[in-house]
C-alpha atoms as a PDB file:
ATOM      1  CA  MET A   1      -0.456  -0.141   0.135  1.00  0.00           C
ATOM      2  CA  SER A   2       1.043   4.204  -1.159  1.00  0.00           C
ATOM      3  CA  THR A   3       1.311   5.984   1.910  1.00  0.00           C
ATOM      4  CA  LEU A   4      -0.437   8.596   0.218  1.00  0.00           C
ATOM      5  CA  ILE A   5      -3.340   5.907   0.014  1.00  0.00           C
ATOM      6  CA  ALA A   6      -2.194   4.375   4.559  1.00  0.00           C
ATOM      7  CA  TYR A   7      -2.534   8.079   4.749  1.00  0.00           C
ATOM      8  CA  LEU A   8      -5.863   8.092   3.919  1.00  0.00           C
ATOM      9  CA  PHE A   9      -7.658   5.236   4.947  1.00  0.00           C
ATOM     10  CA  VAL A  10      -5.981   6.594   8.395  1.00  0.00           C
ATOM     11  CA  LEU A  11      -7.869  10.133   8.022  1.00  0.00           C
ATOM     12  CA  LEU A  12     -11.084   7.703   7.837  1.00  0.00           C
ATOM     13  CA  GLY A  13     -10.919   5.476  10.169  1.00  0.00           C
ATOM     14  CA  GLY A  14     -10.061   8.598  11.941  1.00  0.00           C
ATOM     15  CA  ALA A  15     -12.595  10.717  10.958  1.00  0.00           C
ATOM     16  CA  ALA A  16     -14.857   7.709  12.436  1.00  0.00           C
ATOM     17  CA  GLY A  17     -13.446   7.137  15.300  1.00  0.00           C
ATOM     18  CA  ALA A  18     -12.935  11.092  16.892  1.00  0.00           C
ATOM     19  CA  LEU A  19     -16.723  11.331  16.243  1.00  0.00           C
ATOM     20  CA  SER A  20     -17.711   8.331  17.373  1.00  0.00           C
ATOM     21  CA  ARG A  21     -15.709   8.237  20.672  1.00  0.00           C
ATOM     22  CA  PHE A  22     -17.318  12.497  20.363  1.00  0.00           C
ATOM     23  CA  GLY A  23     -20.810  11.034  19.971  1.00  0.00           C
ATOM     24  CA  VAL A  24     -19.869   7.476  22.334  1.00  0.00           C
ATOM     25  CA  GLN A  25     -19.487  11.040  25.371  1.00  0.00           C
ATOM     26  CA  GLU A  26     -22.227  12.813  23.961  1.00  0.00           C
ATOM     27  CA  LEU A  27     -23.857   9.934  25.075  1.00  0.00           C
ATOM     28  CA  PHE A  28     -23.077   9.524  28.518  1.00  0.00           C
ATOM     29  CA  ARG A  29     -23.575  13.270  28.500  1.00  0.00           C
ATOM     30  CA  ALA A  30     -27.425  13.050  27.884  1.00  0.00           C
ATOM     31  CA  PHE A  31     -27.825   9.967  29.429  1.00  0.00           C
ATOM     32  CA  THR A  32     -26.221   9.666  32.786  1.00  0.00           C
ATOM     33  CA  ARG A  33     -25.515  11.543  35.535  1.00  0.00           C
ATOM     34  CA  TRP A  34     -21.562  10.268  35.267  1.00  0.00           C
ATOM     35  CA  PRO A  35     -18.712  11.833  35.701  1.00  0.00           C
ATOM     36  CA  GLY A  36     -16.863  13.286  31.581  1.00  0.00           C
ATOM     37  CA  TRP A  37     -14.051  10.625  32.577  1.00  0.00           C
ATOM     38  CA  VAL A  38     -16.226   7.231  33.224  1.00  0.00           C
ATOM     39  CA  ALA A  39     -17.263   8.034  29.596  1.00  0.00           C
ATOM     40  CA  VAL A  40     -13.568   7.177  28.123  1.00  0.00           C
ATOM     41  CA  PHE A  41     -12.739   4.857  31.236  1.00  0.00           C
ATOM     42  CA  PHE A  42     -15.458   4.079  28.582  1.00  0.00           C
ATOM     43  CA  VAL A  43     -15.104   3.891  25.570  1.00  0.00           C
ATOM     44  CA  ASN A  44     -10.452   3.390  26.249  1.00  0.00           C
ATOM     45  CA  VAL A  45     -11.868  -0.635  27.406  1.00  0.00           C
ATOM     46  CA  LEU A  46     -13.852  -0.086  24.285  1.00  0.00           C
ATOM     47  CA  GLY A  47     -11.006   0.596  21.827  1.00  0.00           C
ATOM     48  CA  SER A  48      -8.274  -1.286  23.884  1.00  0.00           C
ATOM     49  CA  PHE A  49     -11.246  -4.390  23.060  1.00  0.00           C
ATOM     50  CA  LEU A  50     -11.914  -3.546  19.240  1.00  0.00           C
ATOM     51  CA  ILE A  51      -7.264  -2.824  18.718  1.00  0.00           C
ATOM     52  CA  GLY A  52      -7.313  -6.883  19.616  1.00  0.00           C
ATOM     53  CA  LEU A  53      -9.734  -7.549  17.800  1.00  0.00           C
ATOM     54  CA  VAL A  54      -9.639  -6.267  14.491  1.00  0.00           C
ATOM     55  CA  VAL A  55      -5.538  -6.432  14.091  1.00  0.00           C
ATOM     56  CA  ALA A  56      -5.552 -10.583  15.227  1.00  0.00           C
ATOM     57  CA  TRP A  57      -8.932 -10.871  12.719  1.00  0.00           C
ATOM     58  CA  LEU A  58      -7.606  -9.015  10.120  1.00  0.00           C
ATOM     59  CA  GLN A  59      -4.158 -10.941  10.631  1.00  0.00           C
ATOM     60  CA  GLY A  60      -5.460 -14.165  10.471  1.00  0.00           C
ATOM     61  CA  LEU A  61      -7.411 -12.692   7.392  1.00  0.00           C
ATOM     62  CA  ILE A  62      -4.060 -12.475   5.552  1.00  0.00           C
ATOM     63  CA  ALA A  63      -2.240 -15.344   6.613  1.00  0.00           C
ATOM     64  CA  LEU A  64      -5.350 -17.049   5.475  1.00  0.00           C
ATOM     65  CA  GLU A  65      -5.057 -15.780   1.781  1.00  0.00           C
ATOM     66  CA  HIS A  66      -1.890 -16.838   2.316  1.00  0.00           C
ATOM     67  CA  SER A  67      -2.160 -19.915   3.067  1.00  0.00           C
ATOM     68  CA  GLU A  68       0.359 -19.646   6.475  1.00  0.00           C
ATOM     69  CA  ARG A  69      -1.395 -21.235   9.858  1.00  0.00           C
ATOM     70  CA  LEU A  70       1.237 -17.804  11.746  1.00  0.00           C
ATOM     71  CA  ASP A  71       0.462 -16.146  15.124  1.00  0.00           C
ATOM     72  CA  PRO A  72      -1.150 -13.269  14.479  1.00  0.00           C
ATOM     73  CA  LEU A  73       1.122 -11.406  16.520  1.00  0.00           C
ATOM     74  CA  GLN A  74       4.382 -12.368  14.801  1.00  0.00           C
ATOM     75  CA  LEU A  75       1.810 -11.568  11.053  1.00  0.00           C
ATOM     76  CA  TYR A  76       0.655  -8.294  12.872  1.00  0.00           C
ATOM     77  CA  ILE A  77       4.741  -7.527  12.937  1.00  0.00           C
ATOM     78  CA  ASP A  78       6.023  -7.674   9.731  1.00  0.00           C
ATOM     79  CA  THR A  79       3.109  -6.399   8.075  1.00  0.00           C
ATOM     80  CA  GLN A  80       1.484  -3.936   9.974  1.00  0.00           C
ATOM     81  CA  ASP A  81       1.675  -1.209   8.013  1.00  0.00           C
ATOM     82  CA  ALA A  82       0.630  -3.537   4.129  1.00  0.00           C
ATOM     83  CA  ASP A  83      -2.649  -3.929   4.767  1.00  0.00           C
ATOM     84  CA  HIS A  84      -5.228  -1.586   4.263  1.00  0.00           C
ATOM     85  CA  GLY A  85      -7.890  -3.000   6.906  1.00  0.00           C
ATOM     86  CA  LEU A  86      -5.041  -2.257   9.427  1.00  0.00           C
ATOM     87  CA  ALA A  87      -4.481   1.287   8.577  1.00  0.00           C
ATOM     88  CA  LEU A  88      -8.143   2.690   8.078  1.00  0.00           C
ATOM     89  CA  LEU A  89      -8.961  -0.434  11.553  1.00  0.00           C
ATOM     90  CA  ALA A  90      -6.579  -0.491  13.512  1.00  0.00           C
ATOM     91  CA  ALA A  91      -4.344   2.762  13.237  1.00  0.00           C
ATOM     92  CA  GLY A  92      -7.412   5.131  11.915  1.00  0.00           C
ATOM     93  CA  PHE A  93     -10.607   4.118  14.401  1.00  0.00           C
ATOM     94  CA  CYS A  94      -9.673   2.488  16.974  1.00  0.00           C
ATOM     95  CA  GLY A  95      -6.603   5.154  17.187  1.00  0.00           C
ATOM     96  CA  ALA A  96      -9.199   8.372  17.387  1.00  0.00           C
ATOM     97  CA  PHE A  97     -11.148   6.394  18.951  1.00  0.00           C
ATOM     98  CA  THR A  98      -8.948   6.035  22.150  1.00  0.00           C
ATOM     99  CA  THR A  99      -7.965   9.001  22.715  1.00  0.00           C
ATOM    100  CA  PHE A 100      -5.038   8.677  26.089  1.00  0.00           C
ATOM    101  CA  SER A 101      -4.655  12.325  25.200  1.00  0.00           C
ATOM    102  CA  SER A 102      -8.421  12.562  26.806  1.00  0.00           C
ATOM    103  CA  PHE A 103      -7.481   9.399  29.607  1.00  0.00           C
ATOM    104  CA  SER A 104      -4.478  12.287  30.789  1.00  0.00           C
ATOM    105  CA  LEU A 105      -6.666  15.389  30.739  1.00  0.00           C
ATOM    106  CA  ASP A 106      -9.052  13.670  33.399  1.00  0.00           C
ATOM    107  CA  ASN A 107      -6.777  12.389  35.060  1.00  0.00           C
ATOM    108  CA  HIS A 108      -4.934  15.745  35.534  1.00  0.00           C
ATOM    109  CA  PHE A 109      -8.048  16.913  36.481  1.00  0.00           C
ATOM    110  CA  LEU A 110      -8.703  14.416  39.042  1.00  0.00           C
ATOM    111  CA  ALA A 111      -5.364  14.627  40.399  1.00  0.00           C
ATOM    112  CA  LYS A 112      -6.644  17.796  42.317  1.00  0.00           C
ATOM    113  CA  GLU A 113      -9.458  16.092  43.517  1.00  0.00           C
ATOM    114  CA  SER A 114      -9.945  12.852  44.671  1.00  0.00           C
ATOM    115  CA  ARG A 115      -6.168  10.836  44.519  1.00  0.00           C
ATOM    116  CA  ALA A 116      -8.355   7.600  45.578  1.00  0.00           C
ATOM    117  CA  LEU A 117     -10.189   8.910  41.914  1.00  0.00           C
ATOM    118  CA  LEU A 118      -6.930   8.797  39.845  1.00  0.00           C
ATOM    119  CA  LEU A 119      -5.671   5.725  41.018  1.00  0.00           C
ATOM    120  CA  PHE A 120      -8.715   4.190  40.746  1.00  0.00           C
ATOM    121  CA  ASN A 121      -8.853   5.297  36.627  1.00  0.00           C
ATOM    122  CA  MET A 122      -5.672   4.909  36.362  1.00  0.00           C
ATOM    123  CA  LEU A 123      -5.779   0.987  37.373  1.00  0.00           C
ATOM    124  CA  GLY A 124      -7.861   0.271  35.865  1.00  0.00           C
ATOM    125  CA  SER A 125      -8.237   1.810  33.101  1.00  0.00           C
ATOM    126  CA  LEU A 126      -5.074   0.091  32.177  1.00  0.00           C
ATOM    127  CA  ILE A 127      -5.856  -3.513  33.625  1.00  0.00           C
ATOM    128  CA  THR A 128      -9.150  -3.436  32.537  1.00  0.00           C
ATOM    129  CA  CYS A 129      -7.933  -2.603  28.612  1.00  0.00           C
ATOM    130  CA  LEU A 130      -5.305  -4.602  28.772  1.00  0.00           C
ATOM    131  CA  ALA A 131      -7.572  -7.370  29.584  1.00  0.00           C
ATOM    132  CA  ALA A 132      -9.988  -5.855  26.883  1.00  0.00           C
ATOM    133  CA  VAL A 133      -6.828  -6.316  24.587  1.00  0.00           C
ATOM    134  CA  ALA A 134      -6.152  -9.806  25.354  1.00  0.00           C
ATOM    135  CA  LEU A 135      -9.834 -10.571  24.672  1.00  0.00           C
ATOM    136  CA  GLY A 136      -9.996  -9.254  21.717  1.00  0.00           C
ATOM    137  CA  TRP A 137      -8.020 -10.380  20.128  1.00  0.00           C
ATOM    138  CA  SER A 138      -8.712 -14.190  20.616  1.00  0.00           C
ATOM    139  CA  VAL A 139     -11.846 -13.378  19.794  1.00  0.00           C
ATOM    140  CA  GLY A 140     -11.140 -11.754  17.296  1.00  0.00           C
ATOM    141  CA  LYS A 141      -8.033 -15.050  16.331  1.00  0.00           C
ATOM    142  CA  ALA A 142     -11.365 -17.004  16.460  1.00  0.00           C
ATOM    143  CA  MET A 143     -13.415 -15.032  13.702  1.00  0.00           C
ATOM    144  CA  ALA A 144     -10.301 -15.387  11.395  1.00  0.00           C
ATOM    145  CA  GLY A 145     -10.696 -19.251  11.013  1.00  0.00           C
END
């Protein structure tokens, strides 16, 4: 895939991811009384699951197309910038949907408000998102065959 096409796919995926994140945050604001950082926590967990699922699934499909049975992680390392789906979904959509910058800003404010909430958000996000990536990876690998 050419660099220009890769950038266009990341741009399209990024726009969709950013709009989706904004939509989730607006839904949380409209329908819950929870603070804004809870929406970012939810988005980070969902995005972590999605990126695990998408990468494992797409890499599994690439391996199937080449009649190979490679480990999806190794295949991702070997071909991470070679597929349109990865550029669109993993780098673009998930990259824009799971905004670590929003997470960091919320933690900055939580540090001033409550160290207990800060600790919960930081550790809870890290542990839950790592578990969500692993779960998404397993589901994506199973979907790929």
